[in-house]
Amino acid sequence: MALRFIAKDPNTGTNESPTVWVDDQNADLVLQGWKVDDVTVAECLETGAIPEHEAVIRIPARMVQALREACDVAEGTTIR
C-alpha cells in the first residue's frame, strides 16, 4: 500500500489532523478526523449499526476542497 498525501486541515494548530490520503493501489480514500461525540453516534445509529471494525469521524467543512481533490485523484482525473 502506498498512500498519496492530499492535505491536512489548514486550521489545525499543531498540523496533526484532520488529514486526507488516497491509496494508490485501490483508490480508497483514507481519512483521519475527529472522534465524534455520543450524540452524533446515536444519530448515526438511527440509520443502522456501526460495525466494531468501523468508526464514524468528523471532517470539517473547510476540508471539502481536499476531499474533492482526493476524489479526483482516486478517479484518475487529477495527476499529482
N, C-alpha and C. Protein backbone atom coordinates (compact mmCIF):
# COMPACT_ATOMS: atom_id res chain seq x y z
N MET A 1 0.85 -1.17 0.00
CA MET A 1 0.00 0.00 0.00
C MET A 1 0.89 1.23 0.00
N ALA A 2 0.55 2.17 -0.86
CA ALA A 2 1.24 3.46 -0.88
C ALA A 2 0.19 4.56 -0.79
N LEU A 3 0.26 5.33 0.27
CA LEU A 3 -0.71 6.40 0.45
C LEU A 3 -0.18 7.69 -0.17
N ARG A 4 -1.03 8.33 -0.93
CA ARG A 4 -0.70 9.62 -1.52
C ARG A 4 -1.32 10.71 -0.65
N PHE A 5 -0.49 11.51 -0.02
CA PHE A 5 -0.96 12.59 0.83
C PHE A 5 -1.66 13.64 -0.02
N ILE A 6 -2.84 14.07 0.44
CA ILE A 6 -3.59 15.12 -0.26
C ILE A 6 -3.51 16.43 0.53
N ALA A 7 -3.94 16.40 1.80
CA ALA A 7 -3.95 17.66 2.56
C ALA A 7 -4.20 17.40 4.03
N LYS A 8 -3.76 18.36 4.83
CA LYS A 8 -4.09 18.43 6.26
C LYS A 8 -4.99 19.63 6.46
N ASP A 9 -5.77 19.61 7.52
CA ASP A 9 -6.63 20.74 7.87
C ASP A 9 -5.74 21.99 8.02
N PRO A 10 -5.97 23.02 7.22
CA PRO A 10 -5.12 24.21 7.30
C PRO A 10 -5.28 24.97 8.61
N ASN A 11 -6.34 24.70 9.34
CA ASN A 11 -6.58 25.43 10.60
C ASN A 11 -6.13 24.66 11.83
N THR A 12 -5.51 23.52 11.66
CA THR A 12 -5.05 22.77 12.81
C THR A 12 -3.79 23.44 13.36
N GLY A 13 -3.83 23.75 14.62
CA GLY A 13 -2.72 24.47 15.23
C GLY A 13 -1.43 23.69 15.29
N THR A 14 -1.52 22.39 15.45
CA THR A 14 -0.31 21.57 15.59
C THR A 14 -0.03 20.73 14.35
N ASN A 15 -0.79 20.98 13.27
CA ASN A 15 -0.58 20.30 11.99
C ASN A 15 -0.71 18.78 12.14
N GLU A 16 -1.64 18.33 12.97
CA GLU A 16 -1.81 16.90 13.23
C GLU A 16 -3.02 16.28 12.54
N SER A 17 -4.13 16.98 12.44
CA SER A 17 -5.30 16.39 11.81
C SER A 17 -6.34 17.45 11.56
N PRO A 18 -7.40 17.16 10.89
CA PRO A 18 -7.70 16.02 10.04
C PRO A 18 -6.79 15.97 8.81
N THR A 19 -6.72 14.78 8.22
CA THR A 19 -5.83 14.55 7.09
C THR A 19 -6.54 13.67 6.06
N VAL A 20 -6.20 13.87 4.78
CA VAL A 20 -6.78 13.09 3.69
C VAL A 20 -5.64 12.49 2.86
N TRP A 21 -5.76 11.18 2.56
CA TRP A 21 -4.84 10.48 1.68
C TRP A 21 -5.66 9.69 0.66
N VAL A 22 -5.01 9.27 -0.42
CA VAL A 22 -5.60 8.32 -1.37
C VAL A 22 -4.65 7.13 -1.46
N ASP A 23 -5.20 5.92 -1.38
CA ASP A 23 -4.42 4.70 -1.54
C ASP A 23 -4.16 4.49 -3.03
N ASP A 24 -2.90 4.51 -3.42
CA ASP A 24 -2.53 4.37 -4.84
C ASP A 24 -2.88 3.01 -5.42
N GLN A 25 -3.03 1.99 -4.60
CA GLN A 25 -3.31 0.65 -5.12
C GLN A 25 -4.77 0.43 -5.47
N ASN A 26 -5.68 0.98 -4.66
CA ASN A 26 -7.10 0.70 -4.90
C ASN A 26 -7.97 1.95 -4.95
N ALA A 27 -7.36 3.13 -4.85
CA ALA A 27 -8.05 4.42 -4.93
C ALA A 27 -8.99 4.69 -3.75
N ASP A 28 -8.84 3.94 -2.67
CA ASP A 28 -9.63 4.23 -1.47
C ASP A 28 -9.19 5.56 -0.87
N LEU A 29 -10.14 6.29 -0.28
CA LEU A 29 -9.81 7.47 0.49
C LEU A 29 -9.50 7.03 1.91
N VAL A 30 -8.44 7.55 2.48
CA VAL A 30 -8.07 7.28 3.86
C VAL A 30 -8.16 8.60 4.60
N LEU A 31 -8.96 8.62 5.66
CA LEU A 31 -9.24 9.87 6.38
C LEU A 31 -8.86 9.78 7.84
N GLN A 32 -8.26 10.82 8.33
CA GLN A 32 -8.03 10.98 9.77
C GLN A 32 -8.87 12.17 10.18
N GLY A 33 -9.70 11.98 11.18
CA GLY A 33 -10.57 13.06 11.61
C GLY A 33 -10.82 13.03 13.09
N TRP A 34 -11.69 13.91 13.51
CA TRP A 34 -12.02 13.99 14.93
C TRP A 34 -13.00 12.90 15.32
N LYS A 35 -12.82 12.34 16.49
CA LYS A 35 -13.81 11.41 17.03
C LYS A 35 -15.10 12.18 17.25
N VAL A 36 -16.20 11.52 17.01
CA VAL A 36 -17.49 12.18 17.20
C VAL A 36 -18.01 11.92 18.62
N ASP A 37 -18.90 12.79 19.05
CA ASP A 37 -19.46 12.66 20.39
C ASP A 37 -20.60 11.64 20.40
N ASP A 38 -21.06 11.30 21.59
CA ASP A 38 -22.10 10.28 21.74
C ASP A 38 -23.41 10.67 21.06
N VAL A 39 -23.72 11.95 21.03
CA VAL A 39 -24.95 12.42 20.38
C VAL A 39 -24.88 12.15 18.88
N THR A 40 -23.73 12.43 18.28
CA THR A 40 -23.55 12.18 16.86
C THR A 40 -23.61 10.69 16.56
N VAL A 41 -22.96 9.88 17.38
CA VAL A 41 -23.00 8.43 17.20
C VAL A 41 -24.45 7.93 17.27
N ALA A 42 -25.19 8.41 18.25
CA ALA A 42 -26.58 8.00 18.40
C ALA A 42 -27.39 8.35 17.16
N GLU A 43 -27.15 9.53 16.61
CA GLU A 43 -27.87 9.93 15.41
C GLU A 43 -27.48 9.04 14.22
N CYS A 44 -26.21 8.71 14.10
CA CYS A 44 -25.76 7.82 13.03
C CYS A 44 -26.37 6.43 13.18
N LEU A 45 -26.51 5.97 14.41
CA LEU A 45 -27.08 4.64 14.65
C LEU A 45 -28.54 4.55 14.25
N GLU A 46 -29.21 5.68 14.07
CA GLU A 46 -30.61 5.66 13.63
C GLU A 46 -30.75 5.07 12.23
N THR A 47 -29.68 5.10 11.44
CA THR A 47 -29.75 4.56 10.08
C THR A 47 -29.13 3.17 9.98
N GLY A 48 -28.60 2.65 11.07
CA GLY A 48 -28.04 1.30 11.07
C GLY A 48 -26.86 1.19 12.01
N ALA A 49 -26.45 -0.04 12.25
CA ALA A 49 -25.35 -0.32 13.17
C ALA A 49 -24.02 0.17 12.61
N ILE A 50 -23.11 0.45 13.51
CA ILE A 50 -21.73 0.76 13.15
C ILE A 50 -20.91 -0.45 13.57
N PRO A 51 -20.43 -1.23 12.60
CA PRO A 51 -19.68 -2.43 12.94
C PRO A 51 -18.46 -2.12 13.79
N GLU A 52 -18.06 -3.07 14.59
CA GLU A 52 -16.92 -2.90 15.51
C GLU A 52 -15.64 -2.50 14.77
N HIS A 53 -15.49 -2.94 13.53
CA HIS A 53 -14.27 -2.64 12.78
C HIS A 53 -14.34 -1.32 12.00
N GLU A 54 -15.40 -0.53 12.23
CA GLU A 54 -15.57 0.76 11.56
C GLU A 54 -15.68 1.87 12.60
N ALA A 55 -15.51 3.10 12.12
CA ALA A 55 -15.61 4.27 13.00
C ALA A 55 -16.30 5.41 12.26
N VAL A 56 -16.98 6.24 13.00
CA VAL A 56 -17.54 7.47 12.46
C VAL A 56 -16.60 8.59 12.88
N ILE A 57 -16.15 9.37 11.92
CA ILE A 57 -15.27 10.50 12.22
C ILE A 57 -15.88 11.77 11.63
N ARG A 58 -15.38 12.89 12.08
CA ARG A 58 -15.86 14.17 11.57
C ARG A 58 -14.71 14.88 10.86
N ILE A 59 -15.01 15.37 9.65
CA ILE A 59 -14.07 16.16 8.87
C ILE A 59 -14.69 17.55 8.74
N PRO A 60 -13.94 18.61 9.06
CA PRO A 60 -14.54 19.95 9.00
C PRO A 60 -14.87 20.37 7.56
N ALA A 61 -15.88 21.20 7.42
CA ALA A 61 -16.32 21.67 6.11
C ALA A 61 -15.19 22.35 5.35
N ARG A 62 -14.25 22.95 6.05
CA ARG A 62 -13.15 23.63 5.36
C ARG A 62 -12.25 22.64 4.62
N MET A 63 -12.45 21.33 4.85
CA MET A 63 -11.66 20.31 4.15
C MET A 63 -12.36 19.80 2.88
N VAL A 64 -13.49 20.39 2.51
CA VAL A 64 -14.23 19.93 1.34
C VAL A 64 -13.35 19.96 0.09
N GLN A 65 -12.58 21.02 -0.12
CA GLN A 65 -11.72 21.10 -1.30
C GLN A 65 -10.72 19.95 -1.32
N ALA A 66 -10.15 19.61 -0.17
CA ALA A 66 -9.21 18.50 -0.10
C ALA A 66 -9.90 17.18 -0.44
N LEU A 67 -11.14 17.01 0.02
CA LEU A 67 -11.89 15.79 -0.30
C LEU A 67 -12.20 15.72 -1.80
N ARG A 68 -12.53 16.88 -2.40
CA ARG A 68 -12.77 16.90 -3.84
C ARG A 68 -11.50 16.51 -4.60
N GLU A 69 -10.38 17.06 -4.16
CA GLU A 69 -9.11 16.72 -4.80
C GLU A 69 -8.82 15.23 -4.65
N ALA A 70 -9.06 14.69 -3.46
CA ALA A 70 -8.83 13.26 -3.24
C ALA A 70 -9.72 12.42 -4.15
N CYS A 71 -10.97 12.83 -4.31
CA CYS A 71 -11.87 12.10 -5.21
C CYS A 71 -11.38 12.16 -6.64
N ASP A 72 -10.90 13.32 -7.08
CA ASP A 72 -10.36 13.44 -8.43
C ASP A 72 -9.14 12.55 -8.61
N VAL A 73 -8.27 12.51 -7.61
CA VAL A 73 -7.09 11.64 -7.68
C VAL A 73 -7.53 10.19 -7.73
N ALA A 74 -8.48 9.81 -6.88
CA ALA A 74 -8.95 8.43 -6.83
C ALA A 74 -9.58 8.01 -8.16
N GLU A 75 -10.26 8.93 -8.82
CA GLU A 75 -10.90 8.62 -10.11
C GLU A 75 -9.93 8.73 -11.27
N GLY A 76 -8.70 9.17 -10.99
CA GLY A 76 -7.70 9.27 -12.03
C GLY A 76 -7.83 10.51 -12.89
N THR A 77 -8.61 11.49 -12.44
CA THR A 77 -8.79 12.70 -13.24
C THR A 77 -7.78 13.78 -12.88
N THR A 78 -7.04 13.57 -11.79
CA THR A 78 -6.02 14.52 -11.39
C THR A 78 -4.71 13.77 -11.17
N ILE A 79 -3.67 14.24 -11.78
CA ILE A 79 -2.34 13.68 -11.57
C ILE A 79 -1.61 14.58 -10.60
N ARG A 80 -1.06 14.00 -9.58
CA ARG A 80 -0.38 14.79 -8.55
C ARG A 80 1.04 14.38 -8.43
